[in-house]
C-alpha cells in the first residue's frame, strides 16, 4: 500500500470506519519525506488497521458529560487504541495540538509519546528540570518568568554562556555570548516572544554533539554532528555534517536511554555534549525527532513499538479485527 493509499484511509476513517491506530500529524508535517517513509512503514505493517490523521481534520467536544471526537462533516469518531503523534515544534501550541493529544488520552488512547512528555520537550527548561531532579548531568542553566530581560542577564547569565530561546528549533535563536556586557548591549534586539535560557558554555564540546535516537528504551541510532567552520552550533539545518556512529559511545547511549525514560518518551532524540575523559552532559531532548535514511533501524523500531502496544491493548480488550 502506498502513501497515497494510507492517506486515503483518512477519509474512510473520518467517515465512520474505526482504525485502531492513528498516525497523527500536526500542522506543517503532512507530505514531508520522513512523514511519507513512516506512513509507508505503518501501512505495510498494519494495513487498514491504521490511518494517517491530520490535526486540522478533527473536532473535539465534551458532550453528554464525556469527551468526544468528530470529523469536519460532524460525524462522530471512535478514538483509536493507539496514536503516534508528530507535532512540529515551532508551530505546536498548548491550545491546539497539545489540547488534541490531551483529548485523545482522555478518551483512552495510548500515545506512543504521552502528552506530558511532548509538552515538556517543547520547553527547553521544563525537561532540564525533570532531568536534573532525576540526577542526570545537565549544564548549569538560568532562566526567568517575568523579570526584565536586562536584569535577568545582569543577575543570572554566566560568562561566557550559550543563550537559547526556551522554544527553539534547528538551532534558531541560539548563540554564544562571550561576556555579559555583550548580552547587555544586544538585549534590546532580542525577540521577547519567549524567555531565554542562559547556559554554561561547555567548551570541550564546541562545534559537535552526539544525537541518539531512543525507541522504547533502546538506542537504535546515533550520530556525531559537527558544525561548519566558524560555527559552534552543530545543527544539520545550519550546515552541520553528521556521521552515523551507533554503538561507538555506549555511555552516551545509556544516558540517552535514561533521559527518554525519565521524560516518559517512547520515541526521543537526545542531544548530548561531549565532556572531558569520555563523559557526556545532556543538552536537550526532542519528542518530534527526525532521522535520515542512513539510519535504517529507526523506522522498524518505531513500528515494533506500536505493534507491541497494540498487542497489549488487544489482551485487555477483545479484538475487533
Protein backbone atom coordinates (compact mmCIF):
# COMPACT_ATOMS: atom_id res chain seq x y z
CA UNK A 1 0.00 0.00 0.00
CA UNK A 2 1.41 3.39 -0.99
CA UNK A 3 1.46 6.63 0.98
CA UNK A 4 -1.47 7.83 -1.12
CA UNK A 5 -3.39 4.71 -0.11
CA UNK A 6 -2.60 5.34 3.55
CA UNK A 7 -3.73 8.95 3.29
CA UNK A 8 -6.91 7.84 1.54
CA UNK A 9 -7.84 5.93 4.67
CA UNK A 10 -8.17 9.26 6.45
CA UNK A 11 -11.41 9.99 4.66
CA UNK A 12 -12.70 6.48 5.30
CA UNK A 13 -11.68 6.66 8.95
CA UNK A 14 -13.29 10.04 9.40
CA UNK A 15 -16.33 8.80 7.53
CA UNK A 16 -17.06 6.20 10.18
CA UNK A 17 -14.63 3.29 9.82
CA UNK A 18 -12.70 2.99 13.05
CA UNK A 19 -8.95 2.47 12.69
CA UNK A 20 -7.32 1.32 15.90
CA UNK A 21 -4.02 3.10 15.24
CA UNK A 22 -3.64 6.71 14.13
CA UNK A 23 -0.51 8.38 12.83
CA UNK A 24 -1.39 11.92 13.89
CA UNK A 25 0.26 14.85 12.12
CA UNK A 26 0.32 18.37 13.48
CA UNK A 27 0.40 21.48 11.33
CA UNK A 28 3.18 21.61 8.74
CA UNK A 29 4.15 17.92 8.72
CA UNK A 30 1.97 16.33 6.04
CA UNK A 31 3.83 15.46 2.82
CA UNK A 32 7.35 15.62 4.24
CA UNK A 33 9.82 12.96 3.18
CA UNK A 34 10.18 11.45 6.66
CA UNK A 35 6.42 11.56 7.19
CA UNK A 36 5.93 9.58 3.99
CA UNK A 37 8.53 6.99 4.97
CA UNK A 38 6.90 6.44 8.35
CA UNK A 39 3.42 6.26 6.81
CA UNK A 40 4.58 3.65 4.30
CA UNK A 41 6.06 1.53 7.08
CA UNK A 42 2.87 1.74 9.13
CA UNK A 43 0.80 0.83 6.08
CA UNK A 44 2.96 -2.20 5.37
CA UNK A 45 2.67 -3.42 8.95
CA UNK A 46 -0.90 -2.56 9.91
CA UNK A 47 -2.80 -2.17 6.63
CA UNK A 48 -6.30 -0.75 7.11
CA UNK A 49 -5.95 -1.00 10.89
CA UNK A 50 -4.07 2.33 10.74
CA UNK A 51 -4.91 5.76 9.38
CA UNK A 52 -2.94 8.96 8.83
CA UNK A 53 -4.94 11.73 10.51
CA UNK A 54 -4.11 15.44 10.43
CA UNK A 55 -4.95 17.55 13.44
CA UNK A 56 -6.73 20.04 11.17
CA UNK A 57 -9.32 17.37 10.28
CA UNK A 58 -10.58 16.80 13.82
CA UNK A 59 -13.07 18.50 16.12
CA UNK A 60 -13.14 17.93 19.87
CA UNK A 61 -16.14 18.11 22.15
CA UNK A 62 -17.44 17.36 25.60
CA UNK A 63 -20.96 16.06 25.01
CA UNK A 64 -23.29 14.40 27.46
CA UNK A 65 -20.62 14.56 30.12
CA UNK A 66 -17.96 12.70 28.12
CA UNK A 67 -15.19 13.63 25.66
CA UNK A 68 -15.99 13.03 22.01
CA UNK A 69 -14.33 13.41 18.60
CA UNK A 70 -15.84 14.45 15.27
CA UNK A 71 -14.69 14.97 11.72
CA UNK A 72 -15.36 18.15 9.76
CA UNK A 73 -18.62 16.67 8.45
CA UNK A 74 -19.87 16.36 12.01
CA UNK A 75 -19.60 12.55 12.10
CA UNK A 76 -18.62 11.17 15.50
CA UNK A 77 -15.40 9.16 15.57
CA UNK A 78 -14.19 6.35 17.77
CA UNK A 79 -10.87 7.22 19.37
CA UNK A 80 -8.02 4.88 18.33
CA UNK A 81 -6.45 2.46 20.76
CA UNK A 82 -3.01 3.87 19.93
CA UNK A 83 -1.62 7.02 18.33
CA UNK A 84 1.85 8.15 17.33
CA UNK A 85 1.66 11.91 17.07
CA UNK A 86 4.25 14.16 15.49
CA UNK A 87 3.93 17.88 16.13
CA UNK A 88 6.18 20.48 14.54
CA UNK A 89 7.98 22.26 17.36
CA UNK A 90 7.76 25.86 16.06
CA UNK A 91 4.02 25.57 15.40
CA UNK A 92 2.90 23.41 18.32
CA UNK A 93 0.58 25.20 20.73
CA UNK A 94 -0.85 24.15 24.07
CA UNK A 95 -4.26 25.38 22.92
CA UNK A 96 -4.06 23.47 19.62
CA UNK A 97 -2.12 20.20 19.12
CA UNK A 98 -1.43 19.65 22.82
CA UNK A 99 -5.15 20.02 23.55
CA UNK A 100 -5.88 17.36 20.93
CA UNK A 101 -3.37 14.96 22.47
CA UNK A 102 -4.88 15.54 25.90
CA UNK A 103 -8.31 14.85 24.43
CA UNK A 104 -7.17 11.56 22.89
CA UNK A 105 -5.69 10.45 26.20
CA UNK A 106 -8.92 11.40 27.96
CA UNK A 107 -10.76 9.10 25.54
CA UNK A 108 -8.48 6.19 26.40
CA UNK A 109 -5.98 6.38 23.53
CA UNK A 110 -2.44 5.30 24.37
CA UNK A 111 0.07 7.80 22.99
CA UNK A 112 3.48 6.47 21.99
CA UNK A 113 4.78 9.81 23.26
CA UNK A 114 2.45 10.84 26.11
CA UNK A 115 1.17 14.39 26.12
CA UNK A 116 3.03 15.45 29.28
CA UNK A 117 6.32 14.27 27.75
CA UNK A 118 5.65 16.12 24.49
CA UNK A 119 4.75 19.25 26.42
CA UNK A 120 7.94 19.09 28.49
CA UNK A 121 10.05 18.80 25.36
CA UNK A 122 8.50 21.92 23.85
CA UNK A 123 10.14 23.97 26.62
CA UNK A 124 13.90 23.53 26.95
CA UNK A 125 13.84 24.43 30.64
CA UNK A 126 10.95 22.14 31.58
CA UNK A 127 12.76 18.98 30.61
CA UNK A 128 16.02 20.21 32.18
CA UNK A 129 14.08 20.48 35.45
CA UNK A 130 12.95 16.86 35.20
CA UNK A 131 16.34 15.53 34.14
CA UNK A 132 18.10 17.36 36.97
CA UNK A 133 15.61 16.04 39.54
CA UNK A 134 16.39 12.53 38.29
CA UNK A 135 20.08 13.13 38.99
CA UNK A 136 21.18 13.22 35.34
CA UNK A 137 24.01 15.54 34.23
CA UNK A 138 22.77 18.79 32.69
CA UNK A 139 24.52 22.15 32.17
CA UNK A 140 24.05 24.86 34.79
CA UNK A 141 21.21 26.93 33.35
CA UNK A 142 19.36 30.12 34.32
CA UNK A 143 16.04 31.45 33.07
CA UNK A 144 13.26 33.76 34.26
CA UNK A 145 9.50 34.23 34.25
CA UNK A 146 8.55 37.92 34.28
CA UNK A 147 11.85 39.55 35.19
CA UNK A 148 13.03 42.24 32.77
CA UNK A 149 15.49 40.69 30.34
CA UNK A 150 18.27 43.16 31.13
CA UNK A 151 18.03 42.41 34.84
CA UNK A 152 17.89 38.66 34.25
CA UNK A 153 21.10 38.95 32.21
CA UNK A 154 22.81 41.01 34.88
CA UNK A 155 21.85 38.69 37.72
CA UNK A 156 21.93 35.24 36.15
CA UNK A 157 23.94 34.97 32.96
CA UNK A 158 27.26 33.13 33.35
CA UNK A 159 30.32 34.30 31.42
CA UNK A 160 30.64 33.05 28.74
CA UNK A 161 27.26 31.46 28.11
CA UNK A 162 25.07 29.86 25.47
CA UNK A 163 21.81 31.76 25.03
CA UNK A 164 18.73 29.88 23.84
CA UNK A 165 15.07 30.71 23.49
CA UNK A 166 13.06 28.25 25.60
CA UNK A 167 11.06 27.47 22.45
CA UNK A 168 13.67 26.91 19.76
CA UNK A 169 14.12 24.70 16.73
CA UNK A 170 17.03 23.68 14.48
CA UNK A 171 19.47 25.93 16.29
CA UNK A 172 17.42 29.08 15.72
CA UNK A 173 17.63 31.75 18.44
CA UNK A 174 20.77 30.13 19.87
CA UNK A 175 24.08 31.97 20.13
CA UNK A 176 27.30 32.05 22.11
CA UNK A 177 27.81 35.15 24.24
CA UNK A 178 31.44 35.63 25.34
CA UNK A 179 30.59 38.02 28.18
CA UNK A 180 27.73 39.75 29.95
CA UNK A 181 28.49 43.19 28.52
CA UNK A 182 27.81 41.88 25.02
CA UNK A 183 24.48 40.47 26.17
CA UNK A 184 23.53 43.74 27.80
CA UNK A 185 24.40 45.57 24.60
CA UNK A 186 22.18 43.48 22.33
CA UNK A 187 19.34 42.63 24.70
CA UNK A 188 17.10 45.26 23.16
CA UNK A 189 17.24 43.48 19.81
CA UNK A 190 16.29 40.04 21.16
CA UNK A 191 12.79 38.81 20.46
CA UNK A 192 10.55 38.94 23.51
CA UNK A 193 8.15 36.23 22.29
CA UNK A 194 9.65 33.67 24.68
CA UNK A 195 12.05 33.76 27.64
CA UNK A 196 15.68 32.77 27.16
CA UNK A 197 18.00 30.30 28.82
CA UNK A 198 21.50 31.32 29.87
CA UNK A 199 23.52 28.12 29.93
CA UNK A 200 27.10 27.44 30.94
CA UNK A 201 29.39 27.13 27.93
CA UNK A 202 30.97 23.68 27.72
CA UNK A 203 34.00 24.49 25.60
CA UNK A 204 35.16 20.88 25.23
CA UNK A 205 32.13 20.12 23.04
CA UNK A 206 32.45 23.24 20.86
CA UNK A 207 31.00 22.58 17.42
CA UNK A 208 29.98 18.96 17.99
CA UNK A 209 27.45 16.86 19.83
CA UNK A 210 26.06 13.34 19.92
CA UNK A 211 22.45 12.79 18.79
CA UNK A 212 20.98 9.49 19.99
CA UNK A 213 17.58 8.25 18.86
CA UNK A 214 15.86 6.17 21.52
CA UNK A 215 12.83 3.96 20.83
CA UNK A 216 11.13 2.03 23.61
CA UNK A 217 14.11 2.11 25.93
CA UNK A 218 16.72 1.22 23.33
CA UNK A 219 19.28 3.35 21.48
CA UNK A 220 18.55 2.46 17.86
CA UNK A 221 20.74 5.05 16.13
CA UNK A 222 23.41 7.62 16.97
CA UNK A 223 25.36 10.21 15.06
CA UNK A 224 28.07 12.72 15.81
CA UNK A 225 27.09 16.11 14.43
CA UNK A 226 29.82 18.59 13.58
CA UNK A 227 29.39 22.30 12.91
CA UNK A 228 30.82 24.03 9.84
CA UNK A 229 33.95 26.12 10.27
CA UNK A 230 33.44 29.16 12.48
CA UNK A 231 30.13 27.92 13.91
CA UNK A 232 29.54 26.34 17.31
CA UNK A 233 26.02 25.02 16.56
CA UNK A 234 26.09 21.57 15.03
CA UNK A 235 22.53 21.52 13.70
CA UNK A 236 22.28 20.00 10.24
CA UNK A 237 19.84 22.74 9.25
CA UNK A 238 22.68 25.22 9.73
CA UNK A 239 25.14 23.38 7.53
CA UNK A 240 26.46 20.86 10.02
CA UNK A 241 27.53 17.39 8.97
CA UNK A 242 26.71 14.07 10.61
CA UNK A 243 28.47 10.73 10.89
CA UNK A 244 26.47 7.68 11.99
CA UNK A 245 28.21 6.05 14.96
CA UNK A 246 25.65 3.72 16.52
CA UNK A 247 27.30 1.66 19.26
CA UNK A 248 30.52 3.67 19.38
CA UNK A 249 29.61 5.66 22.52
CA UNK A 250 27.81 3.19 24.81
CA UNK A 251 27.93 5.51 27.83
CA UNK A 252 26.28 8.29 25.84
CA UNK A 253 23.64 5.92 24.50
CA UNK A 254 22.94 4.64 28.01
CA UNK A 255 22.50 8.20 29.26
CA UNK A 256 20.16 9.00 26.35
CA UNK A 257 18.01 5.95 27.15
CA UNK A 258 17.77 7.06 30.76
CA UNK A 259 16.78 10.60 29.74
CA UNK A 260 13.99 9.30 27.49
CA UNK A 261 12.82 7.08 30.34
CA UNK A 262 12.73 9.96 32.82
CA UNK A 263 10.60 12.04 30.46
CA UNK A 264 8.36 9.09 29.52
CA UNK A 265 9.04 9.18 25.78
CA UNK A 266 8.54 6.17 23.54
CA UNK A 267 10.46 7.90 20.73
CA UNK A 268 13.08 10.54 21.53
CA UNK A 269 16.02 12.35 20.03
CA UNK A 270 18.54 13.08 22.78
CA UNK A 271 21.36 15.57 22.23
CA UNK A 272 24.45 15.13 24.37
CA UNK A 273 27.52 17.31 24.75
CA UNK A 274 30.96 15.75 24.97
CA UNK A 275 32.72 16.09 28.31
CA UNK A 276 36.39 15.52 29.15
CA UNK A 277 37.54 11.98 29.92
CA UNK A 278 34.83 10.38 27.80
CA UNK A 279 31.77 11.58 29.65
CA UNK A 280 28.62 13.28 28.40
CA UNK A 281 26.25 16.02 29.54
CA UNK A 282 22.63 16.19 28.42
CA UNK A 283 21.88 19.18 26.23
CA UNK A 284 18.23 18.69 25.29
CA UNK A 285 15.62 16.09 24.40
CA UNK A 286 13.29 16.21 21.40
CA UNK A 287 9.93 14.42 21.10
CA UNK A 288 9.49 15.25 17.40
CA UNK A 289 12.82 13.80 16.34
CA UNK A 290 13.80 13.35 12.71
CA UNK A 291 16.06 10.70 11.26
CA UNK A 292 17.78 10.15 7.95
CA UNK A 293 17.56 7.25 5.52
CA UNK A 294 21.09 6.24 6.56
CA UNK A 295 19.61 5.21 9.92
CA UNK A 296 17.59 2.23 8.68
CA UNK A 297 16.91 0.79 12.12
CA UNK A 298 14.79 3.65 13.44
CA UNK A 299 11.57 3.26 11.45
CA UNK A 300 11.30 -0.51 12.09
CA UNK A 301 11.86 0.15 15.79
CA UNK A 302 9.01 2.68 15.85
CA UNK A 303 6.76 0.21 14.04
CA UNK A 304 7.71 -2.52 16.52
CA UNK A 305 6.92 -0.21 19.46
CA UNK A 306 3.46 0.42 18.02
CA UNK A 307 2.94 -3.30 17.37
CA UNK A 308 3.81 -4.09 20.99
CA UNK A 309 1.31 -1.59 22.33
CA UNK A 310 -1.47 -2.76 20.03
CA UNK A 311 -0.92 -6.33 21.15
CA UNK A 312 -1.06 -5.22 24.77
CA UNK A 313 -4.31 -3.39 24.07
CA UNK A 314 -5.74 -6.49 22.40
CA UNK A 315 -5.06 -8.52 25.55
CA UNK A 316 -7.03 -6.03 27.61
CA UNK A 317 -9.98 -5.62 25.23
CA UNK A 318 -11.46 -8.29 22.94
CA UNK A 319 -10.04 -7.84 19.44
CA UNK A 320 -12.36 -6.40 16.80
CA UNK A 321 -10.26 -7.11 13.70
